[in-house]
Amino acid sequence: RDEDFDVSYEGLLSLSSLLGDVKPRGTPADIITSLPKGTYSEWARPGTTEERCPICLDDYQPTDQCLRICDCSHWFHEGCLQVRTAPFPLLLVNYRY
């Protein structure tokens, strides 16, 4: 849960000691193109679906382009899974063909 995350300087130092070096990364482009794509409103089911992206933590808007992970109930903003060289770490989805 977001409120349980210690964002203090000491908390982040402790987290970095557990994680080690974190390098910017994203999901490989060939995996992104293989995922089903749609808008949030096409997939959302009131009361049963996530309302925010687990990567950027922004609430979904009805027209947001999302990618669905096969055999899983999760989806993400398309842009959050893009391969990029951002100065912050991104989730690398562990996807099997």
PDB file of N, CA and C in Angstrom:
ATOM      1  N   ARG A   1       0.831  -1.175   0.000  1.00  0.00           N
ATOM      2  CA  ARG A   1       0.000   0.000   0.000  1.00  0.00           C
ATOM      3  C   ARG A   1       0.875   1.238   0.000  1.00  0.00           C
ATOM      4  N   ASP A   2       0.431   2.264  -0.682  1.00  0.00           N
ATOM      5  CA  ASP A   2       1.210   3.494  -0.800  1.00  0.00           C
ATOM      6  C   ASP A   2       1.531   4.106   0.558  1.00  0.00           C
ATOM      7  N   GLU A   3       0.554   4.116   1.459  1.00  0.00           N
ATOM      8  CA  GLU A   3       0.756   4.777   2.747  1.00  0.00           C
ATOM      9  C   GLU A   3       1.749   4.040   3.641  1.00  0.00           C
ATOM     10  N   ASP A   4       2.058   2.790   3.318  1.00  0.00           N
ATOM     11  CA  ASP A   4       3.031   2.026   4.098  1.00  0.00           C
ATOM     12  C   ASP A   4       4.469   2.224   3.613  1.00  0.00           C
ATOM     13  N   PHE A   5       4.650   2.899   2.505  1.00  0.00           N
ATOM     14  CA  PHE A   5       5.972   3.099   1.924  1.00  0.00           C
ATOM     15  C   PHE A   5       6.683   4.255   2.621  1.00  0.00           C
ATOM     16  N   ASP A   6       7.868   3.986   3.142  1.00  0.00           N
ATOM     17  CA  ASP A   6       8.655   4.997   3.843  1.00  0.00           C
ATOM     18  C   ASP A   6       9.456   5.794   2.820  1.00  0.00           C
ATOM     19  N   VAL A   7       9.043   7.029   2.555  1.00  0.00           N
ATOM     20  CA  VAL A   7       9.713   7.853   1.554  1.00  0.00           C
ATOM     21  C   VAL A   7      10.751   8.795   2.164  1.00  0.00           C
ATOM     22  N   SER A   8      11.056   8.591   3.437  1.00  0.00           N
ATOM     23  CA  SER A   8      12.077   9.425   4.056  1.00  0.00           C
ATOM     24  C   SER A   8      13.438   9.079   3.449  1.00  0.00           C
ATOM     25  N   TYR A   9      14.397   9.948   3.642  1.00  0.00           N
ATOM     26  CA  TYR A   9      15.750   9.716   3.132  1.00  0.00           C
ATOM     27  C   TYR A   9      16.308   8.405   3.673  1.00  0.00           C
ATOM     28  N   GLU A  10      16.116   8.185   4.966  1.00  0.00           N
ATOM     29  CA  GLU A  10      16.620   6.962   5.601  1.00  0.00           C
ATOM     30  C   GLU A  10      15.915   5.723   5.039  1.00  0.00           C
ATOM     31  N   GLY A  11      14.614   5.845   4.805  1.00  0.00           N
ATOM     32  CA  GLY A  11      13.854   4.736   4.241  1.00  0.00           C
ATOM     33  C   GLY A  11      14.319   4.375   2.843  1.00  0.00           C
ATOM     34  N   LEU A  12      14.615   5.392   2.029  1.00  0.00           N
ATOM     35  CA  LEU A  12      15.105   5.144   0.671  1.00  0.00           C
ATOM     36  C   LEU A  12      16.513   4.547   0.690  1.00  0.00           C
ATOM     37  N   LEU A  13      17.348   5.001   1.630  1.00  0.00           N
ATOM     38  CA  LEU A  13      18.674   4.398   1.764  1.00  0.00           C
ATOM     39  C   LEU A  13      18.562   2.923   2.139  1.00  0.00           C
ATOM     40  N   SER A  14      17.653   2.625   3.044  1.00  0.00           N
ATOM     41  CA  SER A  14      17.435   1.240   3.452  1.00  0.00           C
ATOM     42  C   SER A  14      16.946   0.401   2.273  1.00  0.00           C
ATOM     43  N   LEU A  15      16.031   0.951   1.486  1.00  0.00           N
ATOM     44  CA  LEU A  15      15.533   0.248   0.308  1.00  0.00           C
ATOM     45  C   LEU A  15      16.646   0.004  -0.696  1.00  0.00           C
ATOM     46  N   SER A  16      17.502   1.005  -0.912  1.00  0.00           N
ATOM     47  CA  SER A  16      18.592   0.835  -1.878  1.00  0.00           C
ATOM     48  C   SER A  16      19.593  -0.215  -1.405  1.00  0.00           C
ATOM     49  N   SER A  17      19.769  -0.353  -0.093  1.00  0.00           N
ATOM     50  CA  SER A  17      20.679  -1.393   0.401  1.00  0.00           C
ATOM     51  C   SER A  17      20.099  -2.785   0.154  1.00  0.00           C
ATOM     52  N   LEU A  18      18.784  -2.894   0.118  1.00  0.00           N
ATOM     53  CA  LEU A  18      18.139  -4.177  -0.171  1.00  0.00           C
ATOM     54  C   LEU A  18      18.140  -4.499  -1.664  1.00  0.00           C
ATOM     55  N   LEU A  19      17.898  -3.474  -2.495  1.00  0.00           N
ATOM     56  CA  LEU A  19      17.768  -3.681  -3.936  1.00  0.00           C
ATOM     57  C   LEU A  19      19.098  -3.690  -4.673  1.00  0.00           C
ATOM     58  N   GLY A  20      20.080  -2.997  -4.147  1.00  0.00           N
ATOM     59  CA  GLY A  20      21.344  -2.847  -4.861  1.00  0.00           C
ATOM     60  C   GLY A  20      21.215  -1.772  -5.936  1.00  0.00           C
ATOM     61  N   ASP A  21      22.108  -1.813  -6.925  1.00  0.00           N
ATOM     62  CA  ASP A  21      22.063  -0.827  -8.007  1.00  0.00           C
ATOM     63  C   ASP A  21      20.807  -1.019  -8.840  1.00  0.00           C
ATOM     64  N   VAL A  22      20.094   0.061  -9.060  1.00  0.00           N
ATOM     65  CA  VAL A  22      18.884   0.028  -9.869  1.00  0.00           C
ATOM     66  C   VAL A  22      19.176   0.777 -11.150  1.00  0.00           C
ATOM     67  N   LYS A  23      18.940   0.123 -12.259  1.00  0.00           N
ATOM     68  CA  LYS A  23      19.206   0.730 -13.557  1.00  0.00           C
ATOM     69  C   LYS A  23      17.887   0.971 -14.289  1.00  0.00           C
ATOM     70  N   PRO A  24      17.786   2.083 -15.008  1.00  0.00           N
ATOM     71  CA  PRO A  24      16.580   2.328 -15.794  1.00  0.00           C
ATOM     72  C   PRO A  24      16.382   1.216 -16.814  1.00  0.00           C
ATOM     73  N   ARG A  25      15.159   0.749 -16.917  1.00  0.00           N
ATOM     74  CA  ARG A  25      14.860  -0.270 -17.900  1.00  0.00           C
ATOM     75  C   ARG A  25      13.361  -0.282 -18.152  1.00  0.00           C
ATOM     76  N   GLY A  26      12.976  -0.959 -19.181  1.00  0.00           N
ATOM     77  CA  GLY A  26      11.566  -1.098 -19.514  1.00  0.00           C
ATOM     78  C   GLY A  26      11.347  -2.465 -20.115  1.00  0.00           C
ATOM     79  N   THR A  27      10.162  -2.703 -20.571  1.00  0.00           N
ATOM     80  CA  THR A  27       9.826  -3.978 -21.180  1.00  0.00           C
ATOM     81  C   THR A  27      10.273  -3.962 -22.636  1.00  0.00           C
ATOM     82  N   PRO A  28      10.914  -5.025 -23.122  1.00  0.00           N
ATOM     83  CA  PRO A  28      11.363  -5.059 -24.514  1.00  0.00           C
ATOM     84  C   PRO A  28      10.215  -4.812 -25.503  1.00  0.00           C
ATOM     85  N   ALA A  29      10.525  -4.118 -26.577  1.00  0.00           N
ATOM     86  CA  ALA A  29       9.523  -3.709 -27.565  1.00  0.00           C
ATOM     87  C   ALA A  29       8.768  -4.889 -28.160  1.00  0.00           C
ATOM     88  N   ASP A  30       9.432  -6.023 -28.403  1.00  0.00           N
ATOM     89  CA  ASP A  30       8.735  -7.158 -29.010  1.00  0.00           C
ATOM     90  C   ASP A  30       7.674  -7.725 -28.076  1.00  0.00           C
ATOM     91  N   ILE A  31       7.892  -7.641 -26.785  1.00  0.00           N
ATOM     92  CA  ILE A  31       6.881  -8.098 -25.832  1.00  0.00           C
ATOM     93  C   ILE A  31       5.720  -7.114 -25.792  1.00  0.00           C
ATOM     94  N   ILE A  32       6.027  -5.827 -25.805  1.00  0.00           N
ATOM     95  CA  ILE A  32       4.973  -4.808 -25.779  1.00  0.00           C
ATOM     96  C   ILE A  32       4.049  -4.960 -26.981  1.00  0.00           C
ATOM     97  N   THR A  33       4.609  -5.157 -28.163  1.00  0.00           N
ATOM     98  CA  THR A  33       3.768  -5.278 -29.358  1.00  0.00           C
ATOM     99  C   THR A  33       2.948  -6.556 -29.377  1.00  0.00           C
ATOM    100  N   SER A  34       3.339  -7.561 -28.599  1.00  0.00           N
ATOM    101  CA  SER A  34       2.587  -8.818 -28.580  1.00  0.00           C
ATOM    102  C   SER A  34       1.420  -8.802 -27.589  1.00  0.00           C
ATOM    103  N   LEU A  35       1.348  -7.801 -26.733  1.00  0.00           N
ATOM    104  CA  LEU A  35       0.296  -7.750 -25.718  1.00  0.00           C
ATOM    105  C   LEU A  35      -1.007  -7.187 -26.284  1.00  0.00           C
ATOM    106  N   PRO A  36      -2.152  -7.697 -25.815  1.00  0.00           N
ATOM    107  CA  PRO A  36      -3.441  -7.127 -26.234  1.00  0.00           C
ATOM    108  C   PRO A  36      -3.532  -5.662 -25.808  1.00  0.00           C
ATOM    109  N   LYS A  37      -4.113  -4.844 -26.690  1.00  0.00           N
ATOM    110  CA  LYS A  37      -4.192  -3.408 -26.465  1.00  0.00           C
ATOM    111  C   LYS A  37      -5.649  -2.955 -26.526  1.00  0.00           C
ATOM    112  N   GLY A  38      -6.001  -2.029 -25.665  1.00  0.00           N
ATOM    113  CA  GLY A  38      -7.342  -1.464 -25.675  1.00  0.00           C
ATOM    114  C   GLY A  38      -7.402  -0.267 -24.757  1.00  0.00           C
ATOM    115  N   THR A  39      -8.575   0.333 -24.646  1.00  0.00           N
ATOM    116  CA  THR A  39      -8.733   1.457 -23.734  1.00  0.00           C
ATOM    117  C   THR A  39      -9.218   0.943 -22.386  1.00  0.00           C
ATOM    118  N   TYR A  40      -8.981   1.721 -21.377  1.00  0.00           N
ATOM    119  CA  TYR A  40      -9.397   1.337 -20.039  1.00  0.00           C
ATOM    120  C   TYR A  40     -10.904   1.061 -19.995  1.00  0.00           C
ATOM    121  N   SER A  41     -11.685   1.909 -20.654  1.00  0.00           N
ATOM    122  CA  SER A  41     -13.138   1.738 -20.603  1.00  0.00           C
ATOM    123  C   SER A  41     -13.594   0.437 -21.270  1.00  0.00           C
ATOM    124  N   GLU A  42     -12.826  -0.085 -22.212  1.00  0.00           N
ATOM    125  CA  GLU A  42     -13.181  -1.355 -22.857  1.00  0.00           C
ATOM    126  C   GLU A  42     -13.025  -2.532 -21.897  1.00  0.00           C
ATOM    127  N   TRP A  43     -12.086  -2.458 -20.971  1.00  0.00           N
ATOM    128  CA  TRP A  43     -11.767  -3.584 -20.095  1.00  0.00           C
ATOM    129  C   TRP A  43     -12.270  -3.420 -18.670  1.00  0.00           C
ATOM    130  N   ALA A  44     -12.545  -2.219 -18.261  1.00  0.00           N
ATOM    131  CA  ALA A  44     -12.907  -1.967 -16.864  1.00  0.00           C
ATOM    132  C   ALA A  44     -14.251  -2.596 -16.512  1.00  0.00           C
ATOM    133  N   ARG A  45     -14.295  -3.192 -15.343  1.00  0.00           N
ATOM    134  CA  ARG A  45     -15.523  -3.754 -14.784  1.00  0.00           C
ATOM    135  C   ARG A  45     -15.684  -3.150 -13.394  1.00  0.00           C
ATOM    136  N   PRO A  46     -16.708  -2.318 -13.200  1.00  0.00           N
ATOM    137  CA  PRO A  46     -16.889  -1.630 -11.912  1.00  0.00           C
ATOM    138  C   PRO A  46     -16.820  -2.591 -10.728  1.00  0.00           C
ATOM    139  N   GLY A  47     -16.012  -2.227  -9.748  1.00  0.00           N
ATOM    140  CA  GLY A  47     -15.884  -2.994  -8.529  1.00  0.00           C
ATOM    141  C   GLY A  47     -14.946  -4.182  -8.594  1.00  0.00           C
ATOM    142  N   THR A  48     -14.457  -4.533  -9.782  1.00  0.00           N
ATOM    143  CA  THR A  48     -13.587  -5.708  -9.889  1.00  0.00           C
ATOM    144  C   THR A  48     -12.235  -5.418 -10.523  1.00  0.00           C
ATOM    145  N   THR A  49     -12.069  -4.254 -11.124  1.00  0.00           N
ATOM    146  CA  THR A  49     -10.808  -3.970 -11.804  1.00  0.00           C
ATOM    147  C   THR A  49     -10.029  -2.876 -11.084  1.00  0.00           C
ATOM    148  N   GLU A  50      -8.716  -2.902 -11.308  1.00  0.00           N
ATOM    149  CA  GLU A  50      -7.852  -1.875 -10.745  1.00  0.00           C
ATOM    150  C   GLU A  50      -8.240  -0.523 -11.330  1.00  0.00           C
ATOM    151  N   GLU A  51      -8.092   0.506 -10.530  1.00  0.00           N
ATOM    152  CA  GLU A  51      -8.423   1.850 -10.983  1.00  0.00           C
ATOM    153  C   GLU A  51      -7.196   2.710 -11.211  1.00  0.00           C
ATOM    154  N   ARG A  52      -6.004   2.143 -10.904  1.00  0.00           N
ATOM    155  CA  ARG A  52      -4.784   2.912 -11.136  1.00  0.00           C
ATOM    156  C   ARG A  52      -3.705   2.000 -11.685  1.00  0.00           C
ATOM    157  N   CYS A  53      -2.831   2.594 -12.464  1.00  0.00           N
ATOM    158  CA  CYS A  53      -1.709   1.871 -13.061  1.00  0.00           C
ATOM    159  C   CYS A  53      -0.708   1.521 -11.960  1.00  0.00           C
ATOM    160  N   PRO A  54      -0.289   0.247 -11.868  1.00  0.00           N
ATOM    161  CA  PRO A  54       0.647  -0.129 -10.810  1.00  0.00           C
ATOM    162  C   PRO A  54       2.073   0.388 -11.025  1.00  0.00           C
ATOM    163  N   ILE A  55       2.352   0.970 -12.188  1.00  0.00           N
ATOM    164  CA  ILE A  55       3.689   1.519 -12.428  1.00  0.00           C
ATOM    165  C   ILE A  55       3.748   3.000 -12.071  1.00  0.00           C
ATOM    166  N   CYS A  56       2.882   3.804 -12.692  1.00  0.00           N
ATOM    167  CA  CYS A  56       2.936   5.253 -12.441  1.00  0.00           C
ATOM    168  C   CYS A  56       2.023   5.687 -11.308  1.00  0.00           C
ATOM    169  N   LEU A  57       1.107   4.811 -10.895  1.00  0.00           N
ATOM    170  CA  LEU A  57       0.152   5.056  -9.819  1.00  0.00           C
ATOM    171  C   LEU A  57      -0.868   6.137 -10.135  1.00  0.00           C
ATOM    172  N   ASP A  58      -0.990   6.507 -11.418  1.00  0.00           N
ATOM    173  CA  ASP A  58      -2.041   7.446 -11.831  1.00  0.00           C
ATOM    174  C   ASP A  58      -3.344   6.682 -12.014  1.00  0.00           C
ATOM    175  N   ASP A  59      -4.453   7.326 -11.677  1.00  0.00           N
ATOM    176  CA  ASP A  59      -5.753   6.714 -11.923  1.00  0.00           C
ATOM    177  C   ASP A  59      -5.988   6.643 -13.429  1.00  0.00           C
ATOM    178  N   TYR A  60      -6.597   5.551 -13.856  1.00  0.00           N
ATOM    179  CA  TYR A  60      -6.926   5.397 -15.269  1.00  0.00           C
ATOM    180  C   TYR A  60      -8.060   6.340 -15.650  1.00  0.00           C
ATOM    181  N   GLN A  61      -7.984   6.857 -16.863  1.00  0.00           N
ATOM    182  CA  GLN A  61      -9.061   7.619 -17.468  1.00  0.00           C
ATOM    183  C   GLN A  61      -9.711   6.708 -18.504  1.00  0.00           C
ATOM    184  N   PRO A  62     -10.992   6.878 -18.809  1.00  0.00           N
ATOM    185  CA  PRO A  62     -11.676   5.971 -19.728  1.00  0.00           C
ATOM    186  C   PRO A  62     -10.985   5.798 -21.079  1.00  0.00           C
ATOM    187  N   THR A  63     -10.323   6.839 -21.580  1.00  0.00           N
ATOM    188  CA  THR A  63      -9.705   6.761 -22.908  1.00  0.00           C
ATOM    189  C   THR A  63      -8.229   6.372 -22.878  1.00  0.00           C
ATOM    190  N   ASP A  64      -7.679   6.078 -21.705  1.00  0.00           N
ATOM    191  CA  ASP A  64      -6.267   5.693 -21.602  1.00  0.00           C
ATOM    192  C   ASP A  64      -6.005   4.403 -22.372  1.00  0.00           C
ATOM    193  N   GLN A  65      -4.939   4.408 -23.188  1.00  0.00           N
ATOM    194  CA  GLN A  65      -4.517   3.197 -23.885  1.00  0.00           C
ATOM    195  C   GLN A  65      -3.811   2.288 -22.893  1.00  0.00           C
ATOM    196  N   CYS A  66      -4.256   1.054 -22.815  1.00  0.00           N
ATOM    197  CA  CYS A  66      -3.702   0.097 -21.860  1.00  0.00           C
ATOM    198  C   CYS A  66      -3.272  -1.174 -22.572  1.00  0.00           C
ATOM    199  N   LEU A  67      -2.338  -1.863 -21.967  1.00  0.00           N
ATOM    200  CA  LEU A  67      -1.889  -3.166 -22.445  1.00  0.00           C
ATOM    201  C   LEU A  67      -2.199  -4.185 -21.367  1.00  0.00           C
ATOM    202  N   ARG A  68      -2.717  -5.327 -21.788  1.00  0.00           N
ATOM    203  CA  ARG A  68      -3.099  -6.379 -20.844  1.00  0.00           C
ATOM    204  C   ARG A  68      -2.042  -7.477 -20.843  1.00  0.00           C
ATOM    205  N   ILE A  69      -1.727  -7.973 -19.659  1.00  0.00           N
ATOM    206  CA  ILE A  69      -0.814  -9.089 -19.525  1.00  0.00           C
ATOM    207  C   ILE A  69      -1.640 -10.368 -19.698  1.00  0.00           C
ATOM    208  N   CYS A  70      -1.243 -11.217 -20.627  1.00  0.00           N
ATOM    209  CA  CYS A  70      -1.988 -12.442 -20.910  1.00  0.00           C
ATOM    210  C   CYS A  70      -2.050 -13.343 -19.676  1.00  0.00           C
ATOM    211  N   ASP A  71      -3.159 -14.024 -19.510  1.00  0.00           N
ATOM    212  CA  ASP A  71      -3.374 -14.935 -18.381  1.00  0.00           C
ATOM    213  C   ASP A  71      -3.229 -14.234 -17.037  1.00  0.00           C
ATOM    214  N   CYS A  72      -3.592 -12.971 -17.006  1.00  0.00           N
ATOM    215  CA  CYS A  72      -3.440 -12.176 -15.781  1.00  0.00           C
ATOM    216  C   CYS A  72      -4.517 -11.098 -15.797  1.00  0.00           C
ATOM    217  N   SER A  73      -4.917 -10.645 -14.644  1.00  0.00           N
ATOM    218  CA  SER A  73      -5.947  -9.607 -14.578  1.00  0.00           C
ATOM    219  C   SER A  73      -5.365  -8.201 -14.591  1.00  0.00           C
ATOM    220  N   HIS A  74      -4.044  -8.074 -14.746  1.00  0.00           N
ATOM    221  CA  HIS A  74      -3.410  -6.754 -14.704  1.00  0.00           C
ATOM    222  C   HIS A  74      -3.272  -6.149 -16.087  1.00  0.00           C
ATOM    223  N   TRP A  75      -3.352  -4.848 -16.120  1.00  0.00           N
ATOM    224  CA  TRP A  75      -2.989  -4.099 -17.313  1.00  0.00           C
ATOM    225  C   TRP A  75      -2.301  -2.825 -16.873  1.00  0.00           C
ATOM    226  N   PHE A  76      -1.659  -2.180 -17.831  1.00  0.00           N
ATOM    227  CA  PHE A  76      -0.816  -1.023 -17.547  1.00  0.00           C
ATOM    228  C   PHE A  76      -1.026   0.016 -18.635  1.00  0.00           C
ATOM    229  N   HIS A  77      -0.727   1.280 -18.324  1.00  0.00           N
ATOM    230  CA  HIS A  77      -0.685   2.293 -19.375  1.00  0.00           C
ATOM    231  C   HIS A  77       0.326   1.838 -20.421  1.00  0.00           C
ATOM    232  N   GLU A  78      -0.002   2.019 -21.658  1.00  0.00           N
ATOM    233  CA  GLU A  78       0.922   1.623 -22.717  1.00  0.00           C
ATOM    234  C   GLU A  78       2.268   2.322 -22.543  1.00  0.00           C
ATOM    235  N   GLY A  79       2.253   3.604 -22.263  1.00  0.00           N
ATOM    236  CA  GLY A  79       3.489   4.361 -22.097  1.00  0.00           C
ATOM    237  C   GLY A  79       4.332   3.916 -20.921  1.00  0.00           C
ATOM    238  N   CYS A  80       3.710   3.351 -19.902  1.00  0.00           N
ATOM    239  CA  CYS A  80       4.460   2.900 -18.737  1.00  0.00           C
ATOM    240  C   CYS A  80       5.287   1.657 -19.027  1.00  0.00           C
ATOM    241  N   LEU A  81       4.914   0.902 -20.051  1.00  0.00           N
ATOM    242  CA  LEU A  81       5.659  -0.303 -20.397  1.00  0.00           C
ATOM    243  C   LEU A  81       6.646  -0.089 -21.541  1.00  0.00           C
ATOM    244  N   GLN A  82       6.649   1.095 -22.117  1.00  0.00           N
ATOM    245  CA  GLN A  82       7.538   1.366 -23.241  1.00  0.00           C
ATOM    246  C   GLN A  82       8.999   1.249 -22.823  1.00  0.00           C
ATOM    247  N   VAL A  83       9.820   0.769 -23.721  1.00  0.00           N
ATOM    248  CA  VAL A  83      11.260   0.739 -23.474  1.00  0.00           C
ATOM    249  C   VAL A  83      11.746   2.177 -23.533  1.00  0.00           C
ATOM    250  N   ARG A  84      12.427   2.595 -22.468  1.00  0.00           N
ATOM    251  CA  ARG A  84      12.921   3.979 -22.429  1.00  0.00           C
ATOM    252  C   ARG A  84      14.166   4.055 -21.569  1.00  0.00           C
ATOM    253  N   THR A  85      14.809   5.174 -21.652  1.00  0.00           N
ATOM    254  CA  THR A  85      16.008   5.397 -20.849  1.00  0.00           C
ATOM    255  C   THR A  85      15.739   6.516 -19.851  1.00  0.00           C
ATOM    256  N   ALA A  86      14.615   6.413 -19.171  1.00  0.00           N
ATOM    257  CA  ALA A  86      14.248   7.419 -18.181  1.00  0.00           C
ATOM    258  C   ALA A  86      15.217   7.353 -16.998  1.00  0.00           C
ATOM    259  N   PRO A  87      15.384   8.460 -16.284  1.00  0.00           N
ATOM    260  CA  PRO A  87      16.309   8.480 -15.149  1.00  0.00           C
ATOM    261  C   PRO A  87      15.732   7.847 -13.888  1.00  0.00           C
ATOM    262  N   PHE A  88      14.700   7.001 -14.019  1.00  0.00           N
ATOM    263  CA  PHE A  88      14.130   6.318 -12.870  1.00  0.00           C
ATOM    264  C   PHE A  88      13.809   4.881 -13.275  1.00  0.00           C
ATOM    265  N   PRO A  89      13.789   3.953 -12.324  1.00  0.00           N
ATOM    266  CA  PRO A  89      13.541   2.553 -12.668  1.00  0.00           C
ATOM    267  C   PRO A  89      12.084   2.303 -13.023  1.00  0.00           C
ATOM    268  N   LEU A  90      11.865   1.426 -13.969  1.00  0.00           N
ATOM    269  CA  LEU A  90      10.523   1.008 -14.355  1.00  0.00           C
ATOM    270  C   LEU A  90      10.376  -0.481 -14.117  1.00  0.00           C
ATOM    271  N   LEU A  91       9.158  -0.910 -14.001  1.00  0.00           N
ATOM    272  CA  LEU A  91       8.892  -2.328 -13.819  1.00  0.00           C
ATOM    273  C   LEU A  91       9.220  -3.082 -15.087  1.00  0.00           C
ATOM    274  N   LEU A  92       9.916  -4.181 -14.954  1.00  0.00           N
ATOM    275  CA  LEU A  92      10.166  -5.053 -16.092  1.00  0.00           C
ATOM    276  C   LEU A  92       9.215  -6.227 -15.944  1.00  0.00           C
ATOM    277  N   VAL A  93       8.222  -6.263 -16.808  1.00  0.00           N
ATOM    278  CA  VAL A  93       7.214  -7.314 -16.719  1.00  0.00           C
ATOM    279  C   VAL A  93       7.851  -8.635 -17.094  1.00  0.00           C
ATOM    280  N   ASN A  94       7.653  -9.621 -16.264  1.00  0.00           N
ATOM    281  CA  ASN A  94       8.174 -10.959 -16.494  1.00  0.00           C
ATOM    282  C   ASN A  94       7.144 -11.712 -17.318  1.00  0.00           C
ATOM    283  N   TYR A  95       7.249 -11.684 -18.604  1.00  0.00           N
ATOM    284  CA  TYR A  95       6.265 -12.211 -19.530  1.00  0.00           C
ATOM    285  C   TYR A  95       6.812 -13.411 -20.248  1.00  0.00           C
ATOM    286  N   ARG A  96       6.025 -14.446 -20.337  1.00  0.00           N
ATOM    287  CA  ARG A  96       6.436 -15.663 -21.042  1.00  0.00           C
ATOM    288  C   ARG A  96       5.556 -15.841 -22.265  1.00  0.00           C
ATOM    289  N   TYR A  97       6.165 -16.211 -23.382  1.00  0.00           N
ATOM    290  CA  TYR A  97       5.413 -16.421 -24.629  1.00  0.00           C
ATOM    291  C   TYR A  97       4.578 -17.662 -24.561  1.00  0.00           C
TER     292      TYR A  97
END
